[in-house]
């Protein structure tokens, strides 16, 4: 993903490749550049632990938190099946 630093009436902001603003407005250009660098680092592919089984795997980004084995299990409640409902106790 590519980002660009642009001036705004109130300071500096970061826009994505589609020219949509994706950051808050910063008072300095350096602050906007730091924000963009942290965003790139956070969303880059890296080794992460699976949230289900805790095994390390190569994640495609912050959105990818289940390993290939756990992410494609049948009957895990994430597919077409209905998720279980939790009923609260009535006093």
C-alpha atoms as a PDB file:
ATOM      1  CA  UNK A   1       0.000   0.000   0.000  1.00  0.00           C
ATOM      2  CA  UNK A   2       1.358   3.415  -0.824  1.00  0.00           C
ATOM      3  CA  UNK A   3       0.693   6.582   1.114  1.00  0.00           C
ATOM      4  CA  UNK A   4       1.302  10.227   0.418  1.00  0.00           C
ATOM      5  CA  UNK A   5       1.726  13.138   2.828  1.00  0.00           C
ATOM      6  CA  UNK A   6      -0.409  16.136   1.872  1.00  0.00           C
ATOM      7  CA  UNK A   7      -0.976  19.585   3.284  1.00  0.00           C
ATOM      8  CA  UNK A   8      -4.386  20.514   4.643  1.00  0.00           C
ATOM      9  CA  UNK A   9      -5.717  23.869   5.836  1.00  0.00           C
ATOM     10  CA  UNK A  10      -4.873  22.839   9.416  1.00  0.00           C
ATOM     11  CA  UNK A  11      -1.605  20.916   8.928  1.00  0.00           C
ATOM     12  CA  UNK A  12      -0.567  17.619   7.333  1.00  0.00           C
ATOM     13  CA  UNK A  13      -2.385  14.339   6.708  1.00  0.00           C
ATOM     14  CA  UNK A  14      -1.818  10.975   5.060  1.00  0.00           C
ATOM     15  CA  UNK A  15      -3.748   9.774   2.017  1.00  0.00           C
ATOM     16  CA  UNK A  16      -3.850   6.299   0.505  1.00  0.00           C
ATOM     17  CA  UNK A  17      -3.411   5.356  -3.163  1.00  0.00           C
ATOM     18  CA  UNK A  18      -7.094   6.176  -3.826  1.00  0.00           C
ATOM     19  CA  UNK A  19      -6.433   9.711  -2.485  1.00  0.00           C
ATOM     20  CA  UNK A  20      -8.636   9.115   0.572  1.00  0.00           C
ATOM     21  CA  UNK A  21      -7.491  10.601   3.873  1.00  0.00           C
ATOM     22  CA  UNK A  22      -6.617   7.771   6.257  1.00  0.00           C
ATOM     23  CA  UNK A  23      -5.048   9.680   9.156  1.00  0.00           C
ATOM     24  CA  UNK A  24      -5.852  12.473  11.554  1.00  0.00           C
ATOM     25  CA  UNK A  25      -4.453  15.940  10.820  1.00  0.00           C
ATOM     26  CA  UNK A  26      -0.957  16.520  12.208  1.00  0.00           C
ATOM     27  CA  UNK A  27       0.702  19.827  13.027  1.00  0.00           C
ATOM     28  CA  UNK A  28       4.020  18.807  11.403  1.00  0.00           C
ATOM     29  CA  UNK A  29       5.007  16.888   8.306  1.00  0.00           C
ATOM     30  CA  UNK A  30       7.337  14.694  10.390  1.00  0.00           C
ATOM     31  CA  UNK A  31       4.442  13.574  12.608  1.00  0.00           C
ATOM     32  CA  UNK A  32       2.429  12.588   9.519  1.00  0.00           C
ATOM     33  CA  UNK A  33       5.415  10.684   8.108  1.00  0.00           C
ATOM     34  CA  UNK A  34       5.885   8.824  11.415  1.00  0.00           C
ATOM     35  CA  UNK A  35       2.210   7.848  11.435  1.00  0.00           C
ATOM     36  CA  UNK A  36       2.460   6.519   7.859  1.00  0.00           C
ATOM     37  CA  UNK A  37       5.618   4.535   8.698  1.00  0.00           C
ATOM     38  CA  UNK A  38       3.949   2.910  11.733  1.00  0.00           C
ATOM     39  CA  UNK A  39       0.871   2.064   9.635  1.00  0.00           C
ATOM     40  CA  UNK A  40       3.008   0.413   6.946  1.00  0.00           C
ATOM     41  CA  UNK A  41       4.935  -1.580   9.553  1.00  0.00           C
ATOM     42  CA  UNK A  42       1.765  -2.679  11.375  1.00  0.00           C
ATOM     43  CA  UNK A  43      -0.032  -3.892   8.256  1.00  0.00           C
ATOM     44  CA  UNK A  44       2.961  -5.528   6.558  1.00  0.00           C
ATOM     45  CA  UNK A  45       3.142  -9.325   6.311  1.00  0.00           C
ATOM     46  CA  UNK A  46       4.934 -10.766   9.341  1.00  0.00           C
ATOM     47  CA  UNK A  47       5.076 -13.769  11.627  1.00  0.00           C
ATOM     48  CA  UNK A  48       2.177 -13.802  14.088  1.00  0.00           C
ATOM     49  CA  UNK A  49       0.672 -16.322  16.494  1.00  0.00           C
ATOM     50  CA  UNK A  50      -2.707 -17.756  15.543  1.00  0.00           C
ATOM     51  CA  UNK A  51      -5.453 -16.498  17.842  1.00  0.00           C
ATOM     52  CA  UNK A  52      -7.048 -19.957  17.933  1.00  0.00           C
ATOM     53  CA  UNK A  53      -4.117 -22.395  18.331  1.00  0.00           C
ATOM     54  CA  UNK A  54      -1.183 -20.062  19.141  1.00  0.00           C
ATOM     55  CA  UNK A  55       1.009 -21.602  16.415  1.00  0.00           C
ATOM     56  CA  UNK A  56       3.198 -19.093  14.552  1.00  0.00           C
ATOM     57  CA  UNK A  57       2.393 -18.503  10.871  1.00  0.00           C
ATOM     58  CA  UNK A  58       3.171 -15.942   8.171  1.00  0.00           C
ATOM     59  CA  UNK A  59       0.330 -13.430   8.348  1.00  0.00           C
ATOM     60  CA  UNK A  60      -0.687 -11.347   5.333  1.00  0.00           C
ATOM     61  CA  UNK A  61      -1.373  -8.346   7.595  1.00  0.00           C
ATOM     62  CA  UNK A  62      -3.113  -7.189  10.757  1.00  0.00           C
ATOM     63  CA  UNK A  63      -6.428  -8.519   9.398  1.00  0.00           C
ATOM     64  CA  UNK A  64      -5.036 -12.072   9.062  1.00  0.00           C
ATOM     65  CA  UNK A  65      -4.954 -13.518  12.598  1.00  0.00           C
ATOM     66  CA  UNK A  66      -5.894 -17.195  12.051  1.00  0.00           C
ATOM     67  CA  UNK A  67      -3.394 -19.679  10.600  1.00  0.00           C
ATOM     68  CA  UNK A  68      -4.392 -21.501   7.399  1.00  0.00           C
ATOM     69  CA  UNK A  69      -5.347 -24.607   9.400  1.00  0.00           C
ATOM     70  CA  UNK A  70      -7.660 -22.815  11.863  1.00  0.00           C
ATOM     71  CA  UNK A  71      -9.007 -20.306   9.370  1.00  0.00           C
ATOM     72  CA  UNK A  72     -10.477 -22.966   7.091  1.00  0.00           C
ATOM     73  CA  UNK A  73     -11.943 -25.427   9.598  1.00  0.00           C
ATOM     74  CA  UNK A  74     -15.456 -26.646   8.915  1.00  0.00           C
ATOM     75  CA  UNK A  75     -17.994 -26.065  11.649  1.00  0.00           C
ATOM     76  CA  UNK A  76     -15.998 -23.415  13.505  1.00  0.00           C
ATOM     77  CA  UNK A  77     -18.883 -20.946  13.507  1.00  0.00           C
ATOM     78  CA  UNK A  78     -17.134 -18.631  11.056  1.00  0.00           C
ATOM     79  CA  UNK A  79     -18.658 -20.019   7.890  1.00  0.00           C
ATOM     80  CA  UNK A  80     -22.251 -20.521   6.814  1.00  0.00           C
ATOM     81  CA  UNK A  81     -23.312 -22.172  10.052  1.00  0.00           C
ATOM     82  CA  UNK A  82     -25.102 -20.131  12.673  1.00  0.00           C
ATOM     83  CA  UNK A  83     -22.945 -18.895  15.546  1.00  0.00           C
ATOM     84  CA  UNK A  84     -23.904 -20.167  18.983  1.00  0.00           C
ATOM     85  CA  UNK A  85     -25.953 -17.825  21.110  1.00  0.00           C
ATOM     86  CA  UNK A  86     -25.181 -17.043  24.732  1.00  0.00           C
ATOM     87  CA  UNK A  87     -28.177 -16.737  27.003  1.00  0.00           C
ATOM     88  CA  UNK A  88     -27.956 -14.666  30.142  1.00  0.00           C
ATOM     89  CA  UNK A  89     -29.288 -15.849  33.468  1.00  0.00           C
ATOM     90  CA  UNK A  90     -32.604 -14.376  34.500  1.00  0.00           C
ATOM     91  CA  UNK A  91     -32.875 -13.315  38.117  1.00  0.00           C
END
